[in-house]
Amino acid sequence: MALWTEWWVWMSAALVLATLEVLVPGYIFLGFAMGAGVVGLLILLGLSAQGFALTLVIFAALSLLAYLLMRKFFALEKGQVKIWDTDIND
């Protein structure tokens, strides 16, 4: 059995990507972490794809969906600018 068909490999990748997101903030790696986590859950539930390429396509689609959902829910309203009233040193 190939390593990419194991659920724990995808969950480990999700954990590494989520940790990388903490080190490099900006919601760049969080979408990939969420995609890897969902692929890991799908494999754990027995819904694995029949090939490595199809698994990567599912991972990419889920990562893109997660990124777009985060952008929709966490973004500022259109035309709004974040204004800081206080300084971190105050």
PDB file of N, CA and C in Angstrom:
ATOM      1  N   MET A   1       0.850  -1.185   0.000  1.00  0.00           N
ATOM      2  CA  MET A   1       0.000   0.000   0.000  1.00  0.00           C
ATOM      3  C   MET A   1       0.896   1.248   0.000  1.00  0.00           C
ATOM      4  N   ALA A   2       0.564   2.188  -0.848  1.00  0.00           N
ATOM      5  CA  ALA A   2       1.360   3.404  -0.978  1.00  0.00           C
ATOM      6  C   ALA A   2       1.160   4.312   0.228  1.00  0.00           C
ATOM      7  N   LEU A   3       2.167   5.083   0.510  1.00  0.00           N
ATOM      8  CA  LEU A   3       2.133   5.946   1.682  1.00  0.00           C
ATOM      9  C   LEU A   3       1.072   7.044   1.574  1.00  0.00           C
ATOM     10  N   TRP A   4       0.808   7.542   0.361  1.00  0.00           N
ATOM     11  CA  TRP A   4      -0.164   8.626   0.202  1.00  0.00           C
ATOM     12  C   TRP A   4      -1.598   8.158   0.391  1.00  0.00           C
ATOM     13  N   THR A   5      -1.813   6.845   0.516  1.00  0.00           N
ATOM     14  CA  THR A   5      -3.160   6.331   0.763  1.00  0.00           C
ATOM     15  C   THR A   5      -3.450   6.159   2.247  1.00  0.00           C
ATOM     16  N   GLU A   6      -2.497   6.494   3.085  1.00  0.00           N
ATOM     17  CA  GLU A   6      -2.673   6.382   4.533  1.00  0.00           C
ATOM     18  C   GLU A   6      -3.249   7.696   5.072  1.00  0.00           C
ATOM     19  N   TRP A   7      -4.250   7.595   5.929  1.00  0.00           N
ATOM     20  CA  TRP A   7      -4.906   8.791   6.460  1.00  0.00           C
ATOM     21  C   TRP A   7      -3.977   9.596   7.351  1.00  0.00           C
ATOM     22  N   TRP A   8      -3.116   8.929   8.100  1.00  0.00           N
ATOM     23  CA  TRP A   8      -2.255   9.640   9.046  1.00  0.00           C
ATOM     24  C   TRP A   8      -1.206  10.486   8.332  1.00  0.00           C
ATOM     25  N   VAL A   9      -0.854  10.122   7.105  1.00  0.00           N
ATOM     26  CA  VAL A   9       0.105  10.932   6.339  1.00  0.00           C
ATOM     27  C   VAL A   9      -0.521  12.281   6.005  1.00  0.00           C
ATOM     28  N   TRP A  10      -1.782  12.262   5.590  1.00  0.00           N
ATOM     29  CA  TRP A  10      -2.469  13.510   5.259  1.00  0.00           C
ATOM     30  C   TRP A  10      -2.729  14.347   6.505  1.00  0.00           C
ATOM     31  N   MET A  11      -3.054  13.701   7.611  1.00  0.00           N
ATOM     32  CA  MET A  11      -3.259  14.440   8.865  1.00  0.00           C
ATOM     33  C   MET A  11      -1.952  15.044   9.360  1.00  0.00           C
ATOM     34  N   SER A  12      -0.853  14.312   9.195  1.00  0.00           N
ATOM     35  CA  SER A  12       0.458  14.854   9.568  1.00  0.00           C
ATOM     36  C   SER A  12       0.823  16.047   8.699  1.00  0.00           C
ATOM     37  N   ALA A  13       0.525  15.938   7.410  1.00  0.00           N
ATOM     38  CA  ALA A  13       0.773  17.065   6.506  1.00  0.00           C
ATOM     39  C   ALA A  13      -0.070  18.270   6.900  1.00  0.00           C
ATOM     40  N   ALA A  14      -1.321  18.024   7.294  1.00  0.00           N
ATOM     41  CA  ALA A  14      -2.183  19.122   7.745  1.00  0.00           C
ATOM     42  C   ALA A  14      -1.606  19.784   8.989  1.00  0.00           C
ATOM     43  N   LEU A  15      -1.089  18.986   9.911  1.00  0.00           N
ATOM     44  CA  LEU A  15      -0.488  19.542  11.126  1.00  0.00           C
ATOM     45  C   LEU A  15       0.761  20.352  10.817  1.00  0.00           C
ATOM     46  N   VAL A  16       1.592  19.852   9.928  1.00  0.00           N
ATOM     47  CA  VAL A  16       2.802  20.590   9.540  1.00  0.00           C
ATOM     48  C   VAL A  16       2.433  21.899   8.848  1.00  0.00           C
ATOM     49  N   LEU A  17       1.448  21.869   7.958  1.00  0.00           N
ATOM     50  CA  LEU A  17       1.032  23.085   7.260  1.00  0.00           C
ATOM     51  C   LEU A  17       0.383  24.086   8.209  1.00  0.00           C
ATOM     52  N   ALA A  18      -0.381  23.607   9.174  1.00  0.00           N
ATOM     53  CA  ALA A  18      -0.988  24.515  10.157  1.00  0.00           C
ATOM     54  C   ALA A  18       0.082  25.142  11.037  1.00  0.00           C
ATOM     55  N   THR A  19       1.093  24.374  11.391  1.00  0.00           N
ATOM     56  CA  THR A  19       2.206  24.925  12.173  1.00  0.00           C
ATOM     57  C   THR A  19       2.969  25.954  11.353  1.00  0.00           C
ATOM     58  N   LEU A  20       3.162  25.674  10.081  1.00  0.00           N
ATOM     59  CA  LEU A  20       3.828  26.626   9.206  1.00  0.00           C
ATOM     60  C   LEU A  20       3.027  27.917   9.074  1.00  0.00           C
ATOM     61  N   GLU A  21       1.706  27.807   9.120  1.00  0.00           N
ATOM     62  CA  GLU A  21       0.852  28.993   9.068  1.00  0.00           C
ATOM     63  C   GLU A  21       1.074  29.882  10.291  1.00  0.00           C
ATOM     64  N   VAL A  22       1.314  29.272  11.437  1.00  0.00           N
ATOM     65  CA  VAL A  22       1.577  30.052  12.650  1.00  0.00           C
ATOM     66  C   VAL A  22       2.893  30.810  12.509  1.00  0.00           C
ATOM     67  N   LEU A  23       3.867  30.186  11.875  1.00  0.00           N
ATOM     68  CA  LEU A  23       5.167  30.828  11.710  1.00  0.00           C
ATOM     69  C   LEU A  23       5.174  31.869  10.604  1.00  0.00           C
ATOM     70  N   VAL A  24       4.363  31.655   9.571  1.00  0.00           N
ATOM     71  CA  VAL A  24       4.282  32.580   8.438  1.00  0.00           C
ATOM     72  C   VAL A  24       2.819  32.986   8.289  1.00  0.00           C
ATOM     73  N   PRO A  25       2.341  33.968   9.063  1.00  0.00           N
ATOM     74  CA  PRO A  25       0.915  34.305   9.036  1.00  0.00           C
ATOM     75  C   PRO A  25       0.498  34.943   7.715  1.00  0.00           C
ATOM     76  N   GLY A  26      -0.784  34.902   7.472  1.00  0.00           N
ATOM     77  CA  GLY A  26      -1.325  35.513   6.278  1.00  0.00           C
ATOM     78  C   GLY A  26      -2.323  34.630   5.573  1.00  0.00           C
ATOM     79  N   TYR A  27      -2.767  33.563   6.198  1.00  0.00           N
ATOM     80  CA  TYR A  27      -3.729  32.620   5.627  1.00  0.00           C
ATOM     81  C   TYR A  27      -3.230  32.011   4.326  1.00  0.00           C
ATOM     82  N   ILE A  28      -1.942  31.778   4.218  1.00  0.00           N
ATOM     83  CA  ILE A  28      -1.393  31.170   3.009  1.00  0.00           C
ATOM     84  C   ILE A  28      -1.427  29.654   3.111  1.00  0.00           C
ATOM     85  N   PHE A  29      -0.946  29.121   4.211  1.00  0.00           N
ATOM     86  CA  PHE A  29      -0.865  27.675   4.362  1.00  0.00           C
ATOM     87  C   PHE A  29      -2.098  27.072   5.031  1.00  0.00           C
ATOM     88  N   LEU A  30      -2.964  27.895   5.588  1.00  0.00           N
ATOM     89  CA  LEU A  30      -4.127  27.384   6.305  1.00  0.00           C
ATOM     90  C   LEU A  30      -5.120  26.680   5.371  1.00  0.00           C
ATOM     91  N   GLY A  31      -5.291  27.190   4.177  1.00  0.00           N
ATOM     92  CA  GLY A  31      -6.162  26.531   3.203  1.00  0.00           C
ATOM     93  C   GLY A  31      -5.624  25.166   2.817  1.00  0.00           C
ATOM     94  N   PHE A  32      -4.305  25.080   2.625  1.00  0.00           N
ATOM     95  CA  PHE A  32      -3.687  23.792   2.317  1.00  0.00           C
ATOM     96  C   PHE A  32      -3.823  22.830   3.493  1.00  0.00           C
ATOM     97  N   ALA A  33      -3.682  23.346   4.708  1.00  0.00           N
ATOM     98  CA  ALA A  33      -3.825  22.501   5.900  1.00  0.00           C
ATOM     99  C   ALA A  33      -5.244  21.959   6.007  1.00  0.00           C
ATOM    100  N   MET A  34      -6.214  22.799   5.732  1.00  0.00           N
ATOM    101  CA  MET A  34      -7.604  22.355   5.792  1.00  0.00           C
ATOM    102  C   MET A  34      -7.896  21.321   4.691  1.00  0.00           C
ATOM    103  N   GLY A  35      -7.353  21.538   3.510  1.00  0.00           N
ATOM    104  CA  GLY A  35      -7.524  20.573   2.423  1.00  0.00           C
ATOM    105  C   GLY A  35      -6.902  19.227   2.761  1.00  0.00           C
ATOM    106  N   ALA A  36      -5.701  19.235   3.322  1.00  0.00           N
ATOM    107  CA  ALA A  36      -5.042  17.981   3.705  1.00  0.00           C
ATOM    108  C   ALA A  36      -5.810  17.290   4.829  1.00  0.00           C
ATOM    109  N   GLY A  37      -6.352  18.067   5.756  1.00  0.00           N
ATOM    110  CA  GLY A  37      -7.128  17.480   6.840  1.00  0.00           C
ATOM    111  C   GLY A  37      -8.393  16.808   6.344  1.00  0.00           C
ATOM    112  N   VAL A  38      -9.073  17.439   5.399  1.00  0.00           N
ATOM    113  CA  VAL A  38     -10.305  16.851   4.858  1.00  0.00           C
ATOM    114  C   VAL A  38      -9.976  15.600   4.034  1.00  0.00           C
ATOM    115  N   VAL A  39      -8.898  15.634   3.267  1.00  0.00           N
ATOM    116  CA  VAL A  39      -8.492  14.441   2.515  1.00  0.00           C
ATOM    117  C   VAL A  39      -8.156  13.314   3.487  1.00  0.00           C
ATOM    118  N   GLY A  40      -7.479  13.637   4.588  1.00  0.00           N
ATOM    119  CA  GLY A  40      -7.191  12.625   5.602  1.00  0.00           C
ATOM    120  C   GLY A  40      -8.455  12.031   6.200  1.00  0.00           C
ATOM    121  N   LEU A  41      -9.443  12.879   6.458  1.00  0.00           N
ATOM    122  CA  LEU A  41     -10.724  12.377   6.976  1.00  0.00           C
ATOM    123  C   LEU A  41     -11.451  11.501   5.952  1.00  0.00           C
ATOM    124  N   LEU A  42     -11.408  11.907   4.700  1.00  0.00           N
ATOM    125  CA  LEU A  42     -12.045  11.104   3.659  1.00  0.00           C
ATOM    126  C   LEU A  42     -11.405   9.726   3.537  1.00  0.00           C
ATOM    127  N   ILE A  43     -10.079   9.686   3.602  1.00  0.00           N
ATOM    128  CA  ILE A  43      -9.383   8.400   3.535  1.00  0.00           C
ATOM    129  C   ILE A  43      -9.688   7.572   4.775  1.00  0.00           C
ATOM    130  N   LEU A  44      -9.757   8.213   5.938  1.00  0.00           N
ATOM    131  CA  LEU A  44     -10.089   7.502   7.170  1.00  0.00           C
ATOM    132  C   LEU A  44     -11.481   6.883   7.093  1.00  0.00           C
ATOM    133  N   LEU A  45     -12.411   7.569   6.435  1.00  0.00           N
ATOM    134  CA  LEU A  45     -13.772   7.068   6.278  1.00  0.00           C
ATOM    135  C   LEU A  45     -13.905   6.043   5.152  1.00  0.00           C
ATOM    136  N   GLY A  46     -12.811   5.811   4.435  1.00  0.00           N
ATOM    137  CA  GLY A  46     -12.831   4.816   3.369  1.00  0.00           C
ATOM    138  C   GLY A  46     -13.188   5.355   2.007  1.00  0.00           C
ATOM    139  N   LEU A  47     -13.149   6.654   1.821  1.00  0.00           N
ATOM    140  CA  LEU A  47     -13.510   7.269   0.540  1.00  0.00           C
ATOM    141  C   LEU A  47     -12.275   7.717  -0.230  1.00  0.00           C
ATOM    142  N   SER A  48     -11.297   6.836  -0.357  1.00  0.00           N
ATOM    143  CA  SER A  48     -10.054   7.220  -1.024  1.00  0.00           C
ATOM    144  C   SER A  48     -10.218   7.172  -2.541  1.00  0.00           C
ATOM    145  N   ALA A  49      -9.414   7.979  -3.235  1.00  0.00           N
ATOM    146  CA  ALA A  49      -9.431   8.012  -4.696  1.00  0.00           C
ATOM    147  C   ALA A  49      -8.619   6.834  -5.230  1.00  0.00           C
ATOM    148  N   GLN A  50      -8.766   6.550  -6.501  1.00  0.00           N
ATOM    149  CA  GLN A  50      -8.110   5.394  -7.102  1.00  0.00           C
ATOM    150  C   GLN A  50      -6.736   5.693  -7.667  1.00  0.00           C
ATOM    151  N   GLY A  51      -6.244   6.889  -7.509  1.00  0.00           N
ATOM    152  CA  GLY A  51      -4.919   7.210  -8.033  1.00  0.00           C
ATOM    153  C   GLY A  51      -4.338   8.413  -7.330  1.00  0.00           C
ATOM    154  N   PHE A  52      -3.026   8.523  -7.423  1.00  0.00           N
ATOM    155  CA  PHE A  52      -2.341   9.633  -6.773  1.00  0.00           C
ATOM    156  C   PHE A  52      -2.744  10.963  -7.400  1.00  0.00           C
ATOM    157  N   ALA A  53      -2.856  10.991  -8.721  1.00  0.00           N
ATOM    158  CA  ALA A  53      -3.213  12.239  -9.404  1.00  0.00           C
ATOM    159  C   ALA A  53      -4.611  12.709  -8.992  1.00  0.00           C
ATOM    160  N   LEU A  54      -5.557  11.787  -8.908  1.00  0.00           N
ATOM    161  CA  LEU A  54      -6.914  12.162  -8.505  1.00  0.00           C
ATOM    162  C   LEU A  54      -6.947  12.633  -7.049  1.00  0.00           C
ATOM    163  N   THR A  55      -6.141  12.002  -6.205  1.00  0.00           N
ATOM    164  CA  THR A  55      -6.057  12.444  -4.807  1.00  0.00           C
ATOM    165  C   THR A  55      -5.508  13.861  -4.723  1.00  0.00           C
ATOM    166  N   LEU A  56      -4.501  14.168  -5.527  1.00  0.00           N
ATOM    167  CA  LEU A  56      -3.948  15.529  -5.537  1.00  0.00           C
ATOM    168  C   LEU A  56      -4.958  16.540  -6.079  1.00  0.00           C
ATOM    169  N   VAL A  57      -5.751  16.149  -7.051  1.00  0.00           N
ATOM    170  CA  VAL A  57      -6.792  17.050  -7.585  1.00  0.00           C
ATOM    171  C   VAL A  57      -7.837  17.332  -6.510  1.00  0.00           C
ATOM    172  N   ILE A  58      -8.234  16.291  -5.772  1.00  0.00           N
ATOM    173  CA  ILE A  58      -9.198  16.481  -4.680  1.00  0.00           C
ATOM    174  C   ILE A  58      -8.602  17.379  -3.604  1.00  0.00           C
ATOM    175  N   PHE A  59      -7.338  17.155  -3.263  1.00  0.00           N
ATOM    176  CA  PHE A  59      -6.645  18.000  -2.284  1.00  0.00           C
ATOM    177  C   PHE A  59      -6.599  19.454  -2.748  1.00  0.00           C
ATOM    178  N   ALA A  60      -6.265  19.666  -4.014  1.00  0.00           N
ATOM    179  CA  ALA A  60      -6.183  21.029  -4.549  1.00  0.00           C
ATOM    180  C   ALA A  60      -7.553  21.699  -4.542  1.00  0.00           C
ATOM    181  N   ALA A  61      -8.587  20.969  -4.936  1.00  0.00           N
ATOM    182  CA  ALA A  61      -9.931  21.542  -4.966  1.00  0.00           C
ATOM    183  C   ALA A  61     -10.419  21.893  -3.562  1.00  0.00           C
ATOM    184  N   LEU A  62     -10.163  21.006  -2.602  1.00  0.00           N
ATOM    185  CA  LEU A  62     -10.575  21.287  -1.222  1.00  0.00           C
ATOM    186  C   LEU A  62      -9.778  22.445  -0.627  1.00  0.00           C
ATOM    187  N   SER A  63      -8.506  22.532  -0.964  1.00  0.00           N
ATOM    188  CA  SER A  63      -7.680  23.645  -0.472  1.00  0.00           C
ATOM    189  C   SER A  63      -8.159  24.974  -1.045  1.00  0.00           C
ATOM    190  N   LEU A  64      -8.487  24.981  -2.335  1.00  0.00           N
ATOM    191  CA  LEU A  64      -9.002  26.196  -2.962  1.00  0.00           C
ATOM    192  C   LEU A  64     -10.336  26.597  -2.353  1.00  0.00           C
ATOM    193  N   LEU A  65     -11.208  25.628  -2.136  1.00  0.00           N
ATOM    194  CA  LEU A  65     -12.499  25.906  -1.515  1.00  0.00           C
ATOM    195  C   LEU A  65     -12.320  26.473  -0.102  1.00  0.00           C
ATOM    196  N   ALA A  66     -11.413  25.893   0.666  1.00  0.00           N
ATOM    197  CA  ALA A  66     -11.153  26.390   2.018  1.00  0.00           C
ATOM    198  C   ALA A  66     -10.608  27.810   1.976  1.00  0.00           C
ATOM    199  N   TYR A  67      -9.699  28.089   1.048  1.00  0.00           N
ATOM    200  CA  TYR A  67      -9.134  29.430   0.922  1.00  0.00           C
ATOM    201  C   TYR A  67     -10.213  30.443   0.554  1.00  0.00           C
ATOM    202  N   LEU A  68     -11.067  30.095  -0.393  1.00  0.00           N
ATOM    203  CA  LEU A  68     -12.123  31.016  -0.807  1.00  0.00           C
ATOM    204  C   LEU A  68     -13.138  31.254   0.308  1.00  0.00           C
ATOM    205  N   LEU A  69     -13.466  30.212   1.065  1.00  0.00           N
ATOM    206  CA  LEU A  69     -14.389  30.382   2.195  1.00  0.00           C
ATOM    207  C   LEU A  69     -13.777  31.264   3.282  1.00  0.00           C
ATOM    208  N   MET A  70     -12.498  31.061   3.577  1.00  0.00           N
ATOM    209  CA  MET A  70     -11.843  31.923   4.579  1.00  0.00           C
ATOM    210  C   MET A  70     -11.791  33.361   4.104  1.00  0.00           C
ATOM    211  N   ARG A  71     -11.523  33.546   2.820  1.00  0.00           N
ATOM    212  CA  ARG A  71     -11.462  34.901   2.288  1.00  0.00           C
ATOM    213  C   ARG A  71     -12.823  35.590   2.365  1.00  0.00           C
ATOM    214  N   LYS A  72     -13.890  34.814   2.157  1.00  0.00           N
ATOM    215  CA  LYS A  72     -15.240  35.383   2.220  1.00  0.00           C
ATOM    216  C   LYS A  72     -15.624  35.744   3.652  1.00  0.00           C
ATOM    217  N   PHE A  73     -15.326  34.877   4.609  1.00  0.00           N
ATOM    218  CA  PHE A  73     -15.783  35.093   5.977  1.00  0.00           C
ATOM    219  C   PHE A  73     -14.869  35.980   6.813  1.00  0.00           C
ATOM    220  N   PHE A  74     -13.570  36.008   6.515  1.00  0.00           N
ATOM    221  CA  PHE A  74     -12.640  36.764   7.348  1.00  0.00           C
ATOM    222  C   PHE A  74     -12.154  38.062   6.730  1.00  0.00           C
ATOM    223  N   ALA A  75     -12.548  38.360   5.515  1.00  0.00           N
ATOM    224  CA  ALA A  75     -12.071  39.568   4.840  1.00  0.00           C
ATOM    225  C   ALA A  75     -12.807  40.805   5.351  1.00  0.00           C
ATOM    226  N   LEU A  76     -12.154  41.948   5.184  1.00  0.00           N
ATOM    227  CA  LEU A  76     -12.810  43.218   5.480  1.00  0.00           C
ATOM    228  C   LEU A  76     -13.846  43.496   4.399  1.00  0.00           C
ATOM    229  N   GLU A  77     -14.832  44.288   4.749  1.00  0.00           N
ATOM    230  CA  GLU A  77     -15.831  44.653   3.756  1.00  0.00           C
ATOM    231  C   GLU A  77     -15.171  45.433   2.627  1.00  0.00           C
ATOM    232  N   LYS A  78     -15.775  45.375   1.454  1.00  0.00           N
ATOM    233  CA  LYS A  78     -15.187  46.019   0.278  1.00  0.00           C
ATOM    234  C   LYS A  78     -15.062  47.527   0.503  1.00  0.00           C
ATOM    235  N   GLY A  79     -13.867  48.049   0.273  1.00  0.00           N
ATOM    236  CA  GLY A  79     -13.611  49.466   0.448  1.00  0.00           C
ATOM    237  C   GLY A  79     -13.267  49.868   1.866  1.00  0.00           C
ATOM    238  N   GLN A  80     -13.337  48.927   2.796  1.00  0.00           N
ATOM    239  CA  GLN A  80     -13.040  49.242   4.193  1.00  0.00           C
ATOM    240  C   GLN A  80     -11.539  49.088   4.436  1.00  0.00           C
ATOM    241  N   VAL A  81     -11.004  50.005   5.224  1.00  0.00           N
ATOM    242  CA  VAL A  81      -9.595  49.981   5.566  1.00  0.00           C
ATOM    243  C   VAL A  81      -9.478  49.833   7.068  1.00  0.00           C
ATOM    244  N   LYS A  82      -8.573  48.987   7.500  1.00  0.00           N
ATOM    245  CA  LYS A  82      -8.362  48.801   8.935  1.00  0.00           C
ATOM    246  C   LYS A  82      -7.550  49.979   9.464  1.00  0.00           C
ATOM    247  N   ILE A  83      -8.092  50.678  10.466  1.00  0.00           N
ATOM    248  CA  ILE A  83      -7.441  51.842  11.064  1.00  0.00           C
ATOM    249  C   ILE A  83      -7.090  51.504  12.503  1.00  0.00           C
ATOM    250  N   TRP A  84      -5.844  51.744  12.864  1.00  0.00           N
ATOM    251  CA  TRP A  84      -5.379  51.474  14.230  1.00  0.00           C
ATOM    252  C   TRP A  84      -5.451  52.760  15.042  1.00  0.00           C
ATOM    253  N   ASP A  85      -6.128  52.700  16.194  1.00  0.00           N
ATOM    254  CA  ASP A  85      -6.264  53.859  17.062  1.00  0.00           C
ATOM    255  C   ASP A  85      -5.192  53.893  18.144  1.00  0.00           C
ATOM    256  N   THR A  86      -4.604  52.774  18.445  1.00  0.00           N
ATOM    257  CA  THR A  86      -3.611  52.707  19.513  1.00  0.00           C
ATOM    258  C   THR A  86      -2.338  52.080  18.964  1.00  0.00           C
ATOM    259  N   ASP A  87      -1.270  52.368  19.686  1.00  0.00           N
ATOM    260  CA  ASP A  87       0.017  51.803  19.343  1.00  0.00           C
ATOM    261  C   ASP A  87       0.294  50.624  20.268  1.00  0.00           C
ATOM    262  N   ILE A  88       1.040  49.664  19.820  1.00  0.00           N
ATOM    263  CA  ILE A  88       1.355  48.501  20.643  1.00  0.00           C
ATOM    264  C   ILE A  88       2.178  48.899  21.860  1.00  0.00           C
ATOM    265  N   ASN A  89       2.882  50.014  21.804  1.00  0.00           N
ATOM    266  CA  ASN A  89       3.730  50.441  22.907  1.00  0.00           C
ATOM    267  C   ASN A  89       2.997  51.310  23.931  1.00  0.00           C
ATOM    268  N   ASP A  90       1.738  51.641  23.679  1.00  0.00           N
ATOM    269  CA  ASP A  90       0.985  52.478  24.625  1.00  0.00           C
ATOM    270  C   ASP A  90       0.553  51.702  25.831  1.00  0.00           C
TER     271      ASP A  90
END
